[in-house]
């Protein structure tokens, strides 16, 4: 028997039981007996959260991830780990860039003494 549209998650289209509070596939919160979204706030948009996390706020955007009902717990942990690795890589790149610039400035000062 095919599941009715009320028994499908609006986030991923997976079949959900009528008593489920969250989708087992994507973790989206379900209200009541159907699969209506628990929240339709603009800042819960997945692409908005990812953009803010990786391009604008960095680790300061993690509250957007953890407060978002559309992310499953495993996805929240995965995004947190990715943000830690991303931040460490950017800090390392910044340190290397500053060292290179300082080296070049010292070389130029040695050649061009004013």
PDB file of N, CA and C in Angstrom:
ATOM      1  N   UNK A   1       0.839  -1.174   0.000  1.00  0.00           N
ATOM      2  CA  UNK A   1       0.000   0.000   0.000  1.00  0.00           C
ATOM      3  C   UNK A   1       0.892   1.248   0.000  1.00  0.00           C
ATOM      4  N   UNK A   2       0.627   2.189  -0.875  1.00  0.00           N
ATOM      5  CA  UNK A   2       1.376   3.439  -0.994  1.00  0.00           C
ATOM      6  C   UNK A   2       1.077   4.338   0.208  1.00  0.00           C
ATOM      7  N   UNK A   3       2.120   5.018   0.745  1.00  0.00           N
ATOM      8  CA  UNK A   3       1.842   5.963   1.826  1.00  0.00           C
ATOM      9  C   UNK A   3       1.107   7.177   1.285  1.00  0.00           C
ATOM     10  N   UNK A   4       0.204   7.709   2.094  1.00  0.00           N
ATOM     11  CA  UNK A   4      -0.533   8.899   1.678  1.00  0.00           C
ATOM     12  C   UNK A   4       0.390  10.103   1.777  1.00  0.00           C
ATOM     13  N   UNK A   5       0.049  11.197   1.106  1.00  0.00           N
ATOM     14  CA  UNK A   5       0.903  12.385   1.184  1.00  0.00           C
ATOM     15  C   UNK A   5       1.091  12.892   2.611  1.00  0.00           C
ATOM     16  N   UNK A   6       0.123  12.610   3.504  1.00  0.00           N
ATOM     17  CA  UNK A   6       0.251  13.040   4.890  1.00  0.00           C
ATOM     18  C   UNK A   6       1.309  12.218   5.621  1.00  0.00           C
ATOM     19  N   UNK A   7       1.668  11.044   5.076  1.00  0.00           N
ATOM     20  CA  UNK A   7       2.650  10.177   5.711  1.00  0.00           C
ATOM     21  C   UNK A   7       4.039  10.331   5.095  1.00  0.00           C
ATOM     22  N   UNK A   8       4.262  11.385   4.317  1.00  0.00           N
ATOM     23  CA  UNK A   8       5.561  11.640   3.707  1.00  0.00           C
ATOM     24  C   UNK A   8       6.172  12.892   4.325  1.00  0.00           C
ATOM     25  N   UNK A   9       7.475  12.844   4.520  1.00  0.00           N
ATOM     26  CA  UNK A   9       8.200  14.005   5.041  1.00  0.00           C
ATOM     27  C   UNK A   9       8.265  15.071   3.950  1.00  0.00           C
ATOM     28  N   UNK A  10       8.001  16.314   4.327  1.00  0.00           N
ATOM     29  CA  UNK A  10       8.079  17.405   3.353  1.00  0.00           C
ATOM     30  C   UNK A  10       9.523  17.769   3.031  1.00  0.00           C
ATOM     31  N   UNK A  11      10.454  17.388   3.906  1.00  0.00           N
ATOM     32  CA  UNK A  11      11.855  17.714   3.681  1.00  0.00           C
ATOM     33  C   UNK A  11      12.526  16.810   2.673  1.00  0.00           C
ATOM     34  N   UNK A  12      12.295  15.473   2.825  1.00  0.00           N
ATOM     35  CA  UNK A  12      13.027  14.543   1.959  1.00  0.00           C
ATOM     36  C   UNK A  12      12.113  13.577   1.212  1.00  0.00           C
ATOM     37  N   UNK A  13      10.830  13.538   1.542  1.00  0.00           N
ATOM     38  CA  UNK A  13       9.891  12.667   0.850  1.00  0.00           C
ATOM     39  C   UNK A  13       9.861  11.240   1.370  1.00  0.00           C
ATOM     40  N   UNK A  14      10.578  10.963   2.468  1.00  0.00           N
ATOM     41  CA  UNK A  14      10.590   9.610   3.030  1.00  0.00           C
ATOM     42  C   UNK A  14       9.282   9.322   3.744  1.00  0.00           C
ATOM     43  N   UNK A  15       8.907   8.052   3.777  1.00  0.00           N
ATOM     44  CA  UNK A  15       7.697   7.646   4.495  1.00  0.00           C
ATOM     45  C   UNK A  15       7.937   7.752   5.986  1.00  0.00           C
ATOM     46  N   UNK A  16       6.967   8.328   6.702  1.00  0.00           N
ATOM     47  CA  UNK A  16       7.050   8.466   8.151  1.00  0.00           C
ATOM     48  C   UNK A  16       5.791   7.899   8.778  1.00  0.00           C
ATOM     49  N   UNK A  17       5.916   7.426  10.012  1.00  0.00           N
ATOM     50  CA  UNK A  17       4.736   6.914  10.707  1.00  0.00           C
ATOM     51  C   UNK A  17       3.924   8.086  11.230  1.00  0.00           C
ATOM     52  N   UNK A  18       2.654   7.850  11.472  1.00  0.00           N
ATOM     53  CA  UNK A  18       1.766   8.916  11.921  1.00  0.00           C
ATOM     54  C   UNK A  18       2.150   9.411  13.311  1.00  0.00           C
ATOM     55  N   UNK A  19       2.777   8.563  14.134  1.00  0.00           N
ATOM     56  CA  UNK A  19       3.135   8.946  15.494  1.00  0.00           C
ATOM     57  C   UNK A  19       4.526   9.571  15.584  1.00  0.00           C
ATOM     58  N   UNK A  20       5.274   9.603  14.493  1.00  0.00           N
ATOM     59  CA  UNK A  20       6.649  10.102  14.528  1.00  0.00           C
ATOM     60  C   UNK A  20       6.674  11.606  14.754  1.00  0.00           C
ATOM     61  N   UNK A  21       7.639  12.045  15.553  1.00  0.00           N
ATOM     62  CA  UNK A  21       7.828  13.478  15.784  1.00  0.00           C
ATOM     63  C   UNK A  21       8.915  14.046  14.888  1.00  0.00           C
ATOM     64  N   UNK A  22       9.809  13.161  14.433  1.00  0.00           N
ATOM     65  CA  UNK A  22      10.898  13.564  13.545  1.00  0.00           C
ATOM     66  C   UNK A  22      11.019  12.561  12.406  1.00  0.00           C
ATOM     67  N   UNK A  23      11.461  13.027  11.253  1.00  0.00           N
ATOM     68  CA  UNK A  23      11.695  12.147  10.118  1.00  0.00           C
ATOM     69  C   UNK A  23      12.927  11.299  10.413  1.00  0.00           C
ATOM     70  N   UNK A  24      12.832   9.997  10.198  1.00  0.00           N
ATOM     71  CA  UNK A  24      13.956   9.111  10.437  1.00  0.00           C
ATOM     72  C   UNK A  24      15.051   9.255   9.393  1.00  0.00           C
ATOM     73  N   UNK A  25      14.729   9.805   8.235  1.00  0.00           N
ATOM     74  CA  UNK A  25      15.701   9.948   7.153  1.00  0.00           C
ATOM     75  C   UNK A  25      16.494  11.246   7.263  1.00  0.00           C
ATOM     76  N   UNK A  26      15.799  12.384   7.381  1.00  0.00           N
ATOM     77  CA  UNK A  26      16.492  13.679   7.374  1.00  0.00           C
ATOM     78  C   UNK A  26      16.479  14.388   8.719  1.00  0.00           C
ATOM     79  N   UNK A  27      15.679  13.914   9.667  1.00  0.00           N
ATOM     80  CA  UNK A  27      15.644  14.515  10.994  1.00  0.00           C
ATOM     81  C   UNK A  27      14.740  15.714  11.126  1.00  0.00           C
ATOM     82  N   UNK A  28      13.989  16.024  10.106  1.00  0.00           N
ATOM     83  CA  UNK A  28      13.103  17.184  10.142  1.00  0.00           C
ATOM     84  C   UNK A  28      11.999  16.955  11.160  1.00  0.00           C
ATOM     85  N   UNK A  29      11.675  17.997  11.918  1.00  0.00           N
ATOM     86  CA  UNK A  29      10.626  17.900  12.923  1.00  0.00           C
ATOM     87  C   UNK A  29       9.270  17.821  12.232  1.00  0.00           C
ATOM     88  N   UNK A  30       8.427  16.912  12.713  1.00  0.00           N
ATOM     89  CA  UNK A  30       7.085  16.741  12.191  1.00  0.00           C
ATOM     90  C   UNK A  30       6.105  17.191  13.267  1.00  0.00           C
ATOM     91  N   UNK A  31       4.994  17.811  12.862  1.00  0.00           N
ATOM     92  CA  UNK A  31       4.008  18.241  13.840  1.00  0.00           C
ATOM     93  C   UNK A  31       2.785  17.362  13.755  1.00  0.00           C
ATOM     94  N   UNK A  32       2.216  17.073  14.896  1.00  0.00           N
ATOM     95  CA  UNK A  32       0.971  16.306  14.949  1.00  0.00           C
ATOM     96  C   UNK A  32       1.070  14.977  14.245  1.00  0.00           C
ATOM     97  N   UNK A  33       0.056  14.669  13.453  1.00  0.00           N
ATOM     98  CA  UNK A  33       0.021  13.386  12.759  1.00  0.00           C
ATOM     99  C   UNK A  33       0.589  13.473  11.348  1.00  0.00           C
ATOM    100  N   UNK A  34       0.678  14.672  10.811  1.00  0.00           N
ATOM    101  CA  UNK A  34       1.171  14.806   9.437  1.00  0.00           C
ATOM    102  C   UNK A  34       2.624  15.191   9.390  1.00  0.00           C
ATOM    103  N   UNK A  35       3.070  15.551   8.217  1.00  0.00           N
ATOM    104  CA  UNK A  35       4.473  15.896   8.013  1.00  0.00           C
ATOM    105  C   UNK A  35       4.653  17.382   7.741  1.00  0.00           C
ATOM    106  N   UNK A  36       3.785  18.186   8.321  1.00  0.00           N
ATOM    107  CA  UNK A  36       3.894  19.628   8.124  1.00  0.00           C
ATOM    108  C   UNK A  36       5.166  20.145   8.793  1.00  0.00           C
ATOM    109  N   UNK A  37       5.763  21.170   8.238  1.00  0.00           N
ATOM    110  CA  UNK A  37       6.996  21.675   8.841  1.00  0.00           C
ATOM    111  C   UNK A  37       6.738  22.263  10.218  1.00  0.00           C
ATOM    112  N   UNK A  38       7.669  22.036  11.135  1.00  0.00           N
ATOM    113  CA  UNK A  38       7.529  22.553  12.488  1.00  0.00           C
ATOM    114  C   UNK A  38       7.807  24.060  12.511  1.00  0.00           C
ATOM    115  N   UNK A  39       8.632  24.533  11.614  1.00  0.00           N
ATOM    116  CA  UNK A  39       8.984  25.938  11.593  1.00  0.00           C
ATOM    117  C   UNK A  39       9.242  26.361  10.152  1.00  0.00           C
ATOM    118  N   UNK A  40       8.724  27.507   9.800  1.00  0.00           N
ATOM    119  CA  UNK A  40       8.981  28.013   8.454  1.00  0.00           C
ATOM    120  C   UNK A  40       9.702  29.354   8.526  1.00  0.00           C
ATOM    121  N   UNK A  41      10.545  29.516   9.543  1.00  0.00           N
ATOM    122  CA  UNK A  41      11.274  30.766   9.692  1.00  0.00           C
ATOM    123  C   UNK A  41      12.347  30.858   8.620  1.00  0.00           C
ATOM    124  N   UNK A  42      12.583  32.056   8.131  1.00  0.00           N
ATOM    125  CA  UNK A  42      13.516  32.253   7.022  1.00  0.00           C
ATOM    126  C   UNK A  42      14.930  31.850   7.391  1.00  0.00           C
ATOM    127  N   UNK A  43      15.317  31.978   8.630  1.00  0.00           N
ATOM    128  CA  UNK A  43      16.683  31.643   9.018  1.00  0.00           C
ATOM    129  C   UNK A  43      16.881  30.151   9.272  1.00  0.00           C
ATOM    130  N   UNK A  44      15.839  29.344   9.041  1.00  0.00           N
ATOM    131  CA  UNK A  44      15.990  27.889   9.107  1.00  0.00           C
ATOM    132  C   UNK A  44      16.210  27.278   7.724  1.00  0.00           C
ATOM    133  N   UNK A  45      16.316  28.101   6.708  1.00  0.00           N
ATOM    134  CA  UNK A  45      16.626  27.618   5.373  1.00  0.00           C
ATOM    135  C   UNK A  45      18.028  27.006   5.390  1.00  0.00           C
ATOM    136  N   UNK A  46      18.141  25.776   4.911  1.00  0.00           N
ATOM    137  CA  UNK A  46      19.404  25.031   4.977  1.00  0.00           C
ATOM    138  C   UNK A  46      20.522  25.762   4.241  1.00  0.00           C
ATOM    139  N   UNK A  47      20.253  26.273   3.054  1.00  0.00           N
ATOM    140  CA  UNK A  47      21.296  26.939   2.264  1.00  0.00           C
ATOM    141  C   UNK A  47      21.724  28.245   2.911  1.00  0.00           C
ATOM    142  N   UNK A  48      20.798  28.956   3.530  1.00  0.00           N
ATOM    143  CA  UNK A  48      21.141  30.179   4.250  1.00  0.00           C
ATOM    144  C   UNK A  48      22.087  29.858   5.405  1.00  0.00           C
ATOM    145  N   UNK A  49      21.761  28.819   6.172  1.00  0.00           N
ATOM    146  CA  UNK A  49      22.593  28.435   7.316  1.00  0.00           C
ATOM    147  C   UNK A  49      23.993  28.038   6.848  1.00  0.00           C
ATOM    148  N   UNK A  50      24.083  27.224   5.792  1.00  0.00           N
ATOM    149  CA  UNK A  50      25.394  26.790   5.300  1.00  0.00           C
ATOM    150  C   UNK A  50      26.216  27.963   4.776  1.00  0.00           C
ATOM    151  N   UNK A  51      25.583  28.887   4.055  1.00  0.00           N
ATOM    152  CA  UNK A  51      26.290  30.068   3.551  1.00  0.00           C
ATOM    153  C   UNK A  51      26.817  30.910   4.709  1.00  0.00           C
ATOM    154  N   UNK A  52      25.967  31.170   5.685  1.00  0.00           N
ATOM    155  CA  UNK A  52      26.381  31.972   6.829  1.00  0.00           C
ATOM    156  C   UNK A  52      27.488  31.276   7.613  1.00  0.00           C
ATOM    157  N   UNK A  53      27.407  29.965   7.735  1.00  0.00           N
ATOM    158  CA  UNK A  53      28.385  29.215   8.506  1.00  0.00           C
ATOM    159  C   UNK A  53      29.767  29.251   7.863  1.00  0.00           C
ATOM    160  N   UNK A  54      29.851  28.984   6.565  1.00  0.00           N
ATOM    161  CA  UNK A  54      31.153  28.834   5.921  1.00  0.00           C
ATOM    162  C   UNK A  54      31.696  30.099   5.268  1.00  0.00           C
ATOM    163  N   UNK A  55      30.859  31.110   5.010  1.00  0.00           N
ATOM    164  CA  UNK A  55      31.352  32.290   4.301  1.00  0.00           C
ATOM    165  C   UNK A  55      31.208  33.599   5.062  1.00  0.00           C
ATOM    166  N   UNK A  56      30.391  33.639   6.101  1.00  0.00           N
ATOM    167  CA  UNK A  56      30.168  34.901   6.793  1.00  0.00           C
ATOM    168  C   UNK A  56      30.571  34.831   8.264  1.00  0.00           C
ATOM    169  N   UNK A  57      29.959  33.935   9.005  1.00  0.00           N
ATOM    170  CA  UNK A  57      30.126  33.918  10.452  1.00  0.00           C
ATOM    171  C   UNK A  57      31.202  32.977  10.969  1.00  0.00           C
ATOM    172  N   UNK A  58      31.515  31.954  10.209  1.00  0.00           N
ATOM    173  CA  UNK A  58      32.461  30.956  10.695  1.00  0.00           C
ATOM    174  C   UNK A  58      31.900  30.238  11.906  1.00  0.00           C
ATOM    175  N   UNK A  59      32.737  29.988  12.911  1.00  0.00           N
ATOM    176  CA  UNK A  59      32.266  29.247  14.078  1.00  0.00           C
ATOM    177  C   UNK A  59      31.176  29.983  14.862  1.00  0.00           C
ATOM    178  N   UNK A  60      31.060  31.294  14.658  1.00  0.00           N
ATOM    179  CA  UNK A  60      29.996  32.045  15.329  1.00  0.00           C
ATOM    180  C   UNK A  60      28.618  31.679  14.775  1.00  0.00           C
ATOM    181  N   UNK A  61      28.578  30.962  13.656  1.00  0.00           N
ATOM    182  CA  UNK A  61      27.315  30.540  13.065  1.00  0.00           C
ATOM    183  C   UNK A  61      26.820  29.195  13.565  1.00  0.00           C
ATOM    184  N   UNK A  62      27.572  28.555  14.447  1.00  0.00           N
ATOM    185  CA  UNK A  62      27.143  27.243  14.953  1.00  0.00           C
ATOM    186  C   UNK A  62      25.805  27.284  15.694  1.00  0.00           C
ATOM    187  N   UNK A  63      25.452  28.362  16.401  1.00  0.00           N
ATOM    188  CA  UNK A  63      24.101  28.399  16.978  1.00  0.00           C
ATOM    189  C   UNK A  63      22.991  28.317  15.924  1.00  0.00           C
ATOM    190  N   UNK A  64      23.249  28.829  14.712  1.00  0.00           N
ATOM    191  CA  UNK A  64      22.264  28.679  13.635  1.00  0.00           C
ATOM    192  C   UNK A  64      22.079  27.206  13.282  1.00  0.00           C
ATOM    193  N   UNK A  65      23.159  26.443  13.315  1.00  0.00           N
ATOM    194  CA  UNK A  65      23.092  25.013  13.002  1.00  0.00           C
ATOM    195  C   UNK A  65      22.359  24.271  14.100  1.00  0.00           C
ATOM    196  N   UNK A  66      22.776  24.501  15.351  1.00  0.00           N
ATOM    197  CA  UNK A  66      22.222  23.733  16.461  1.00  0.00           C
ATOM    198  C   UNK A  66      20.793  24.135  16.794  1.00  0.00           C
ATOM    199  N   UNK A  67      20.376  25.330  16.424  1.00  0.00           N
ATOM    200  CA  UNK A  67      18.998  25.753  16.663  1.00  0.00           C
ATOM    201  C   UNK A  67      18.063  25.454  15.509  1.00  0.00           C
ATOM    202  N   UNK A  68      18.574  24.846  14.457  1.00  0.00           N
ATOM    203  CA  UNK A  68      17.776  24.577  13.264  1.00  0.00           C
ATOM    204  C   UNK A  68      17.118  23.211  13.361  1.00  0.00           C
ATOM    205  N   UNK A  69      15.791  23.156  13.318  1.00  0.00           N
ATOM    206  CA  UNK A  69      15.097  21.865  13.423  1.00  0.00           C
ATOM    207  C   UNK A  69      15.207  21.017  12.151  1.00  0.00           C
ATOM    208  N   UNK A  70      15.690  21.566  11.075  1.00  0.00           N
ATOM    209  CA  UNK A  70      15.781  20.807   9.824  1.00  0.00           C
ATOM    210  C   UNK A  70      17.017  19.919   9.741  1.00  0.00           C
ATOM    211  N   UNK A  71      17.996  20.125  10.622  1.00  0.00           N
ATOM    212  CA  UNK A  71      19.199  19.300  10.628  1.00  0.00           C
ATOM    213  C   UNK A  71      19.056  18.169  11.640  1.00  0.00           C
ATOM    214  N   UNK A  72      19.417  16.973  11.229  1.00  0.00           N
ATOM    215  CA  UNK A  72      19.454  15.844  12.152  1.00  0.00           C
ATOM    216  C   UNK A  72      20.646  16.018  13.091  1.00  0.00           C
ATOM    217  N   UNK A  73      20.624  15.334  14.216  1.00  0.00           N
ATOM    218  CA  UNK A  73      21.703  15.460  15.197  1.00  0.00           C
ATOM    219  C   UNK A  73      23.055  15.095  14.583  1.00  0.00           C
ATOM    220  N   UNK A  74      23.087  14.022  13.768  1.00  0.00           N
ATOM    221  CA  UNK A  74      24.362  13.626  13.151  1.00  0.00           C
ATOM    222  C   UNK A  74      24.856  14.699  12.199  1.00  0.00           C
ATOM    223  N   UNK A  75      23.944  15.386  11.517  1.00  0.00           N
ATOM    224  CA  UNK A  75      24.340  16.458  10.597  1.00  0.00           C
ATOM    225  C   UNK A  75      24.882  17.663  11.372  1.00  0.00           C
ATOM    226  N   UNK A  76      24.301  17.936  12.527  1.00  0.00           N
ATOM    227  CA  UNK A  76      24.797  19.033  13.363  1.00  0.00           C
ATOM    228  C   UNK A  76      26.225  18.747  13.832  1.00  0.00           C
ATOM    229  N   UNK A  77      26.472  17.510  14.264  1.00  0.00           N
ATOM    230  CA  UNK A  77      27.817  17.147  14.698  1.00  0.00           C
ATOM    231  C   UNK A  77      28.798  17.186  13.537  1.00  0.00           C
ATOM    232  N   UNK A  78      28.366  16.714  12.373  1.00  0.00           N
ATOM    233  CA  UNK A  78      29.224  16.721  11.197  1.00  0.00           C
ATOM    234  C   UNK A  78      29.570  18.154  10.779  1.00  0.00           C
ATOM    235  N   UNK A  79      28.592  19.047  10.785  1.00  0.00           N
ATOM    236  CA  UNK A  79      28.849  20.445  10.433  1.00  0.00           C
ATOM    237  C   UNK A  79      29.747  21.130  11.472  1.00  0.00           C
ATOM    238  N   UNK A  80      29.581  20.766  12.733  1.00  0.00           N
ATOM    239  CA  UNK A  80      30.440  21.324  13.772  1.00  0.00           C
ATOM    240  C   UNK A  80      31.884  20.876  13.560  1.00  0.00           C
ATOM    241  N   UNK A  81      32.080  19.596  13.287  1.00  0.00           N
ATOM    242  CA  UNK A  81      33.426  19.086  13.024  1.00  0.00           C
ATOM    243  C   UNK A  81      34.025  19.734  11.773  1.00  0.00           C
ATOM    244  N   UNK A  82      33.218  19.861  10.723  1.00  0.00           N
ATOM    245  CA  UNK A  82      33.694  20.507   9.493  1.00  0.00           C
ATOM    246  C   UNK A  82      34.082  21.960   9.770  1.00  0.00           C
ATOM    247  N   UNK A  83      33.322  22.653  10.617  1.00  0.00           N
ATOM    248  CA  UNK A  83      33.635  24.043  10.933  1.00  0.00           C
ATOM    249  C   UNK A  83      34.928  24.140  11.726  1.00  0.00           C
ATOM    250  N   UNK A  84      35.187  23.200  12.620  1.00  0.00           N
ATOM    251  CA  UNK A  84      36.441  23.213  13.384  1.00  0.00           C
ATOM    252  C   UNK A  84      37.628  23.015  12.438  1.00  0.00           C
ATOM    253  N   UNK A  85      37.528  22.038  11.552  1.00  0.00           N
ATOM    254  CA  UNK A  85      38.612  21.777  10.593  1.00  0.00           C
ATOM    255  C   UNK A  85      38.799  22.980   9.674  1.00  0.00           C
ATOM    256  N   UNK A  86      37.714  23.547   9.187  1.00  0.00           N
ATOM    257  CA  UNK A  86      37.739  24.716   8.300  1.00  0.00           C
ATOM    258  C   UNK A  86      38.397  25.911   8.990  1.00  0.00           C
ATOM    259  N   UNK A  87      38.066  26.137  10.258  1.00  0.00           N
ATOM    260  CA  UNK A  87      38.628  27.252  11.010  1.00  0.00           C
ATOM    261  C   UNK A  87      40.125  27.057  11.242  1.00  0.00           C
ATOM    262  N   UNK A  88      40.521  25.847  11.618  1.00  0.00           N
ATOM    263  CA  UNK A  88      41.939  25.569  11.833  1.00  0.00           C
ATOM    264  C   UNK A  88      42.719  25.770  10.530  1.00  0.00           C
ATOM    265  N   UNK A  89      42.170  25.315   9.416  1.00  0.00           N
ATOM    266  CA  UNK A  89      42.838  25.486   8.126  1.00  0.00           C
ATOM    267  C   UNK A  89      42.970  26.971   7.764  1.00  0.00           C
ATOM    268  N   UNK A  90      41.937  27.757   8.012  1.00  0.00           N
ATOM    269  CA  UNK A  90      42.016  29.192   7.700  1.00  0.00           C
ATOM    270  C   UNK A  90      43.000  29.917   8.605  1.00  0.00           C
ATOM    271  N   UNK A  91      43.057  29.550   9.872  1.00  0.00           N
ATOM    272  CA  UNK A  91      44.027  30.163  10.778  1.00  0.00           C
ATOM    273  C   UNK A  91      45.447  29.811  10.337  1.00  0.00           C
ATOM    274  N   UNK A  92      45.669  28.547   9.977  1.00  0.00           N
ATOM    275  CA  UNK A  92      46.990  28.124   9.497  1.00  0.00           C
ATOM    276  C   UNK A  92      47.372  28.882   8.223  1.00  0.00           C
ATOM    277  N   UNK A  93      46.439  29.011   7.297  1.00  0.00           N
ATOM    278  CA  UNK A  93      46.704  29.749   6.060  1.00  0.00           C
ATOM    279  C   UNK A  93      47.025  31.213   6.350  1.00  0.00           C
ATOM    280  N   UNK A  94      46.319  31.812   7.279  1.00  0.00           N
ATOM    281  CA  UNK A  94      46.574  33.208   7.641  1.00  0.00           C
ATOM    282  C   UNK A  94      47.968  33.372   8.240  1.00  0.00           C
ATOM    283  N   UNK A  95      48.343  32.457   9.120  1.00  0.00           N
ATOM    284  CA  UNK A  95      49.675  32.521   9.735  1.00  0.00           C
ATOM    285  C   UNK A  95      50.762  32.370   8.678  1.00  0.00           C
ATOM    286  N   UNK A  96      50.599  31.421   7.770  1.00  0.00           N
ATOM    287  CA  UNK A  96      51.588  31.235   6.699  1.00  0.00           C
ATOM    288  C   UNK A  96      51.687  32.461   5.801  1.00  0.00           C
ATOM    289  N   UNK A  97      50.550  33.060   5.482  1.00  0.00           N
ATOM    290  CA  UNK A  97      50.540  34.251   4.628  1.00  0.00           C
ATOM    291  C   UNK A  97      51.254  35.417   5.302  1.00  0.00           C
ATOM    292  N   UNK A  98      50.977  35.628   6.576  1.00  0.00           N
ATOM    293  CA  UNK A  98      51.627  36.724   7.299  1.00  0.00           C
ATOM    294  C   UNK A  98      53.136  36.490   7.362  1.00  0.00           C
ATOM    295  N   UNK A  99      53.562  35.276   7.621  1.00  0.00           N
ATOM    296  CA  UNK A  99      55.003  34.966   7.659  1.00  0.00           C
ATOM    297  C   UNK A  99      55.663  35.229   6.306  1.00  0.00           C
ATOM    298  N   UNK A 100      54.998  34.848   5.232  1.00  0.00           N
ATOM    299  CA  UNK A 100      55.547  35.071   3.895  1.00  0.00           C
ATOM    300  C   UNK A 100      55.664  36.559   3.590  1.00  0.00           C
ATOM    301  N   UNK A 101      54.637  37.313   3.939  1.00  0.00           N
ATOM    302  CA  UNK A 101      54.674  38.757   3.695  1.00  0.00           C
ATOM    303  C   UNK A 101      55.797  39.397   4.504  1.00  0.00           C
ATOM    304  N   UNK A 102      55.957  39.009   5.757  1.00  0.00           N
ATOM    305  CA  UNK A 102      57.023  39.560   6.594  1.00  0.00           C
ATOM    306  C   UNK A 102      58.391  39.205   6.016  1.00  0.00           C
ATOM    307  N   UNK A 103      58.570  37.967   5.558  1.00  0.00           N
ATOM    308  CA  UNK A 103      59.835  37.575   4.929  1.00  0.00           C
ATOM    309  C   UNK A 103      60.140  38.435   3.711  1.00  0.00           C
ATOM    310  N   UNK A 104      59.155  38.654   2.860  1.00  0.00           N
ATOM    311  CA  UNK A 104      59.366  39.472   1.663  1.00  0.00           C
ATOM    312  C   UNK A 104      59.671  40.921   2.028  1.00  0.00           C
ATOM    313  N   UNK A 105      59.001  41.434   3.031  1.00  0.00           N
ATOM    314  CA  UNK A 105      59.294  42.802   3.464  1.00  0.00           C
ATOM    315  C   UNK A 105      60.715  42.912   4.010  1.00  0.00           C
ATOM    316  N   UNK A 106      61.153  41.922   4.759  1.00  0.00           N
ATOM    317  CA  UNK A 106      62.525  41.926   5.279  1.00  0.00           C
ATOM    318  C   UNK A 106      63.536  41.835   4.149  1.00  0.00           C
ATOM    319  N   UNK A 107      63.260  41.032   3.129  1.00  0.00           N
ATOM    320  CA  UNK A 107      64.148  40.938   1.978  1.00  0.00           C
ATOM    321  C   UNK A 107      64.210  42.255   1.228  1.00  0.00           C
ATOM    322  N   UNK A 108      63.045  42.879   1.052  1.00  0.00           N
ATOM    323  CA  UNK A 108      63.023  44.180   0.365  1.00  0.00           C
ATOM    324  C   UNK A 108      63.736  45.253   1.178  1.00  0.00           C
ATOM    325  N   UNK A 109      63.608  45.226   2.484  1.00  0.00           N
ATOM    326  CA  UNK A 109      64.310  46.202   3.328  1.00  0.00           C
ATOM    327  C   UNK A 109      65.818  45.994   3.261  1.00  0.00           C
ATOM    328  N   UNK A 110      66.258  44.749   3.128  1.00  0.00           N
ATOM    329  CA  UNK A 110      67.699  44.476   3.016  1.00  0.00           C
ATOM    330  C   UNK A 110      68.248  44.977   1.693  1.00  0.00           C
ATOM    331  N   UNK A 111      67.464  44.864   0.623  1.00  0.00           N
ATOM    332  CA  UNK A 111      67.908  45.299  -0.705  1.00  0.00           C
ATOM    333  C   UNK A 111      67.796  46.809  -0.852  1.00  0.00           C
ATOM    334  N   UNK A 112      66.663  47.368  -0.459  1.00  0.00           N
ATOM    335  CA  UNK A 112      66.410  48.809  -0.595  1.00  0.00           C
ATOM    336  C   UNK A 112      66.504  49.442   0.786  1.00  0.00           C
ATOM    337  N   UNK A 113      67.646  49.918   1.137  1.00  0.00           N
ATOM    338  CA  UNK A 113      67.771  50.598   2.428  1.00  0.00           C
ATOM    339  C   UNK A 113      67.472  52.074   2.249  1.00  0.00           C
ATOM    340  N   UNK A 114      66.484  52.551   2.936  1.00  0.00           N
ATOM    341  CA  UNK A 114      66.079  53.949   2.811  1.00  0.00           C
ATOM    342  C   UNK A 114      66.689  54.777   3.888  1.00  0.00           C
TER     343      UNK A 114
END
